[in-house]
Amino acid sequence: MSENQKVDDEKDQTAFGREVHAKAIRKLHARRNPTPGIWSGLGMMGLIGWSVVVPTLLGTALGIWLDHWHPGSHSWTLALLVAGLVVGCLNAWKWVANEERAIREEQERDDE
């Protein structure tokens, strides 16, 4: 066997070893972190939905109460409904951004 063939065989073995090692790491990661099921996704959608609905309903209820006890030229109900909707959307956006950041950090940690 020539010297060049020995070097090529060693390179092939180290490349093969790296490939096997990478697959083993991915397999261990998959065992530790199973993919979330459909119920997890539905639960997350419900959580995001409630984080928007609750502030919107609270704002609407407060607006109805204010319109009843302190009537004026403008509608407190409409103003506080919009304010509650904005607060709820900001809550949902912040929660989704935090979850996305956590997923990205975990992927970066796993890639290392």
C-alpha atoms as a PDB file:
ATOM      1  CA  MET A   1       0.000   0.000   0.000  1.00  0.00           C
ATOM      2  CA  SER A   2       1.441   3.372  -0.971  1.00  0.00           C
ATOM      3  CA  GLU A   3       1.875   6.305   1.392  1.00  0.00           C
ATOM      4  CA  ASN A   4      -0.867   8.309  -0.357  1.00  0.00           C
ATOM      5  CA  GLN A   5      -3.386   5.487   0.086  1.00  0.00           C
ATOM      6  CA  LYS A   6      -2.590   5.296   3.827  1.00  0.00           C
ATOM      7  CA  VAL A   7      -3.189   9.034   4.228  1.00  0.00           C
ATOM      8  CA  ASP A   8      -6.461   8.816   2.276  1.00  0.00           C
ATOM      9  CA  ASP A   9      -7.614   5.857   4.409  1.00  0.00           C
ATOM     10  CA  GLU A  10      -6.831   7.767   7.608  1.00  0.00           C
ATOM     11  CA  LYS A  11      -8.763  10.814   6.348  1.00  0.00           C
ATOM     12  CA  ASP A  12     -11.723   8.607   5.430  1.00  0.00           C
ATOM     13  CA  GLN A  13     -11.693   6.987   8.870  1.00  0.00           C
ATOM     14  CA  THR A  14     -11.577  10.331  10.688  1.00  0.00           C
ATOM     15  CA  ALA A  15     -14.373  11.739   8.495  1.00  0.00           C
ATOM     16  CA  PHE A  16     -16.393   8.586   9.148  1.00  0.00           C
ATOM     17  CA  GLY A  17     -15.709   8.891  12.884  1.00  0.00           C
ATOM     18  CA  ARG A  18     -16.873  12.515  12.914  1.00  0.00           C
ATOM     19  CA  GLU A  19     -20.028  11.553  11.029  1.00  0.00           C
ATOM     20  CA  VAL A  20     -20.801   8.727  13.453  1.00  0.00           C
ATOM     21  CA  HIS A  21     -20.133  11.034  16.413  1.00  0.00           C
ATOM     22  CA  ALA A  22     -22.452  13.728  15.014  1.00  0.00           C
ATOM     23  CA  LYS A  23     -25.233  11.180  14.440  1.00  0.00           C
ATOM     24  CA  ALA A  24     -24.816   9.807  17.965  1.00  0.00           C
ATOM     25  CA  ILE A  25     -25.111  13.307  19.432  1.00  0.00           C
ATOM     26  CA  ARG A  26     -28.272  13.999  17.399  1.00  0.00           C
ATOM     27  CA  LYS A  27     -29.776  10.702  18.540  1.00  0.00           C
ATOM     28  CA  LEU A  28     -29.064  11.433  22.210  1.00  0.00           C
ATOM     29  CA  HIS A  29     -30.543  14.910  21.837  1.00  0.00           C
ATOM     30  CA  ALA A  30     -33.686  13.463  20.235  1.00  0.00           C
ATOM     31  CA  ARG A  31     -34.089  11.042  23.132  1.00  0.00           C
ATOM     32  CA  ARG A  32     -33.681  13.783  25.746  1.00  0.00           C
ATOM     33  CA  ASN A  33     -35.926  16.294  23.957  1.00  0.00           C
ATOM     34  CA  PRO A  34     -38.794  14.535  22.198  1.00  0.00           C
ATOM     35  CA  THR A  35     -40.710  16.589  19.670  1.00  0.00           C
ATOM     36  CA  PRO A  36     -43.814  18.166  21.163  1.00  0.00           C
ATOM     37  CA  GLY A  37     -47.092  16.594  20.169  1.00  0.00           C
ATOM     38  CA  ILE A  38     -50.258  18.108  18.820  1.00  0.00           C
ATOM     39  CA  TRP A  39     -51.640  18.697  22.318  1.00  0.00           C
ATOM     40  CA  SER A  40     -48.621  20.794  23.201  1.00  0.00           C
ATOM     41  CA  GLY A  41     -49.171  22.943  20.116  1.00  0.00           C
ATOM     42  CA  LEU A  42     -52.869  23.344  20.847  1.00  0.00           C
ATOM     43  CA  GLY A  43     -52.071  24.251  24.444  1.00  0.00           C
ATOM     44  CA  MET A  44     -49.619  26.894  23.287  1.00  0.00           C
ATOM     45  CA  MET A  45     -52.195  28.369  20.901  1.00  0.00           C
ATOM     46  CA  GLY A  46     -54.707  28.444  23.742  1.00  0.00           C
ATOM     47  CA  LEU A  47     -52.248  30.172  26.034  1.00  0.00           C
ATOM     48  CA  ILE A  48     -51.521  32.833  23.426  1.00  0.00           C
ATOM     49  CA  GLY A  49     -55.226  33.271  22.759  1.00  0.00           C
ATOM     50  CA  TRP A  50     -56.079  33.734  26.416  1.00  0.00           C
ATOM     51  CA  SER A  51     -53.215  36.205  26.861  1.00  0.00           C
ATOM     52  CA  VAL A  52     -54.988  38.392  24.268  1.00  0.00           C
ATOM     53  CA  VAL A  53     -58.598  37.717  25.287  1.00  0.00           C
ATOM     54  CA  VAL A  54     -58.295  38.363  29.033  1.00  0.00           C
ATOM     55  CA  PRO A  55     -56.917  41.946  28.829  1.00  0.00           C
ATOM     56  CA  THR A  56     -59.403  42.741  26.050  1.00  0.00           C
ATOM     57  CA  LEU A  57     -62.363  41.552  28.130  1.00  0.00           C
ATOM     58  CA  LEU A  58     -61.096  43.334  31.238  1.00  0.00           C
ATOM     59  CA  GLY A  59     -60.713  46.568  29.288  1.00  0.00           C
ATOM     60  CA  THR A  60     -64.197  46.176  27.844  1.00  0.00           C
ATOM     61  CA  ALA A  61     -65.736  45.466  31.253  1.00  0.00           C
ATOM     62  CA  LEU A  62     -64.009  48.492  32.789  1.00  0.00           C
ATOM     63  CA  GLY A  63     -65.154  50.611  29.836  1.00  0.00           C
ATOM     64  CA  ILE A  64     -68.781  49.501  30.252  1.00  0.00           C
ATOM     65  CA  TRP A  65     -68.614  50.307  33.957  1.00  0.00           C
ATOM     66  CA  LEU A  66     -67.101  53.753  33.275  1.00  0.00           C
ATOM     67  CA  ASP A  67     -69.704  54.492  30.573  1.00  0.00           C
ATOM     68  CA  HIS A  68     -72.464  53.547  32.992  1.00  0.00           C
ATOM     69  CA  TRP A  69     -71.234  55.616  35.946  1.00  0.00           C
ATOM     70  CA  HIS A  70     -69.427  58.448  34.136  1.00  0.00           C
ATOM     71  CA  PRO A  71     -71.137  59.021  30.790  1.00  0.00           C
ATOM     72  CA  GLY A  72     -69.416  61.451  28.479  1.00  0.00           C
ATOM     73  CA  SER A  73     -69.054  62.469  24.897  1.00  0.00           C
ATOM     74  CA  HIS A  74     -66.710  59.589  24.086  1.00  0.00           C
ATOM     75  CA  SER A  75     -67.047  55.861  24.625  1.00  0.00           C
ATOM     76  CA  TRP A  76     -64.886  54.437  27.391  1.00  0.00           C
ATOM     77  CA  THR A  77     -65.884  50.953  26.272  1.00  0.00           C
ATOM     78  CA  LEU A  78     -64.403  51.323  22.819  1.00  0.00           C
ATOM     79  CA  ALA A  79     -61.261  53.073  24.053  1.00  0.00           C
ATOM     80  CA  LEU A  80     -60.525  50.493  26.745  1.00  0.00           C
ATOM     81  CA  LEU A  81     -61.406  47.594  24.444  1.00  0.00           C
ATOM     82  CA  VAL A  82     -58.706  48.793  22.030  1.00  0.00           C
ATOM     83  CA  ALA A  83     -56.282  49.403  24.899  1.00  0.00           C
ATOM     84  CA  GLY A  84     -56.912  45.889  26.254  1.00  0.00           C
ATOM     85  CA  LEU A  85     -56.416  44.417  22.803  1.00  0.00           C
ATOM     86  CA  VAL A  86     -53.103  46.247  22.408  1.00  0.00           C
ATOM     87  CA  VAL A  87     -51.917  45.098  25.839  1.00  0.00           C
ATOM     88  CA  GLY A  88     -52.968  41.514  25.065  1.00  0.00           C
ATOM     89  CA  CYS A  89     -51.169  41.513  21.717  1.00  0.00           C
ATOM     90  CA  LEU A  90     -48.021  42.887  23.348  1.00  0.00           C
ATOM     91  CA  ASN A  91     -48.219  40.137  25.998  1.00  0.00           C
ATOM     92  CA  ALA A  92     -48.574  37.461  23.319  1.00  0.00           C
ATOM     93  CA  TRP A  93     -45.762  38.939  21.228  1.00  0.00           C
ATOM     94  CA  LYS A  94     -43.420  39.065  24.226  1.00  0.00           C
ATOM     95  CA  TRP A  95     -44.225  35.474  25.196  1.00  0.00           C
ATOM     96  CA  VAL A  96     -43.681  34.163  21.647  1.00  0.00           C
ATOM     97  CA  ALA A  97     -40.415  36.125  21.343  1.00  0.00           C
ATOM     98  CA  ASN A  98     -39.155  34.622  24.622  1.00  0.00           C
ATOM     99  CA  GLU A  99     -40.061  31.102  23.495  1.00  0.00           C
ATOM    100  CA  GLU A 100     -38.367  31.628  20.140  1.00  0.00           C
ATOM    101  CA  ARG A 101     -35.224  32.923  21.851  1.00  0.00           C
ATOM    102  CA  ALA A 102     -35.162  29.907  24.175  1.00  0.00           C
ATOM    103  CA  ILE A 103     -35.510  27.509  21.234  1.00  0.00           C
ATOM    104  CA  ARG A 104     -32.754  29.307  19.308  1.00  0.00           C
ATOM    105  CA  GLU A 105     -30.400  29.224  22.314  1.00  0.00           C
ATOM    106  CA  GLU A 106     -31.056  25.507  22.781  1.00  0.00           C
ATOM    107  CA  GLN A 107     -30.304  24.827  19.116  1.00  0.00           C
ATOM    108  CA  GLU A 108     -27.081  26.827  19.301  1.00  0.00           C
ATOM    109  CA  ARG A 109     -26.076  24.959  22.445  1.00  0.00           C
ATOM    110  CA  ASP A 110     -26.781  21.633  20.724  1.00  0.00           C
ATOM    111  CA  ASP A 111     -24.821  22.628  17.619  1.00  0.00           C
ATOM    112  CA  GLU A 112     -21.692  23.203  19.659  1.00  0.00           C
END
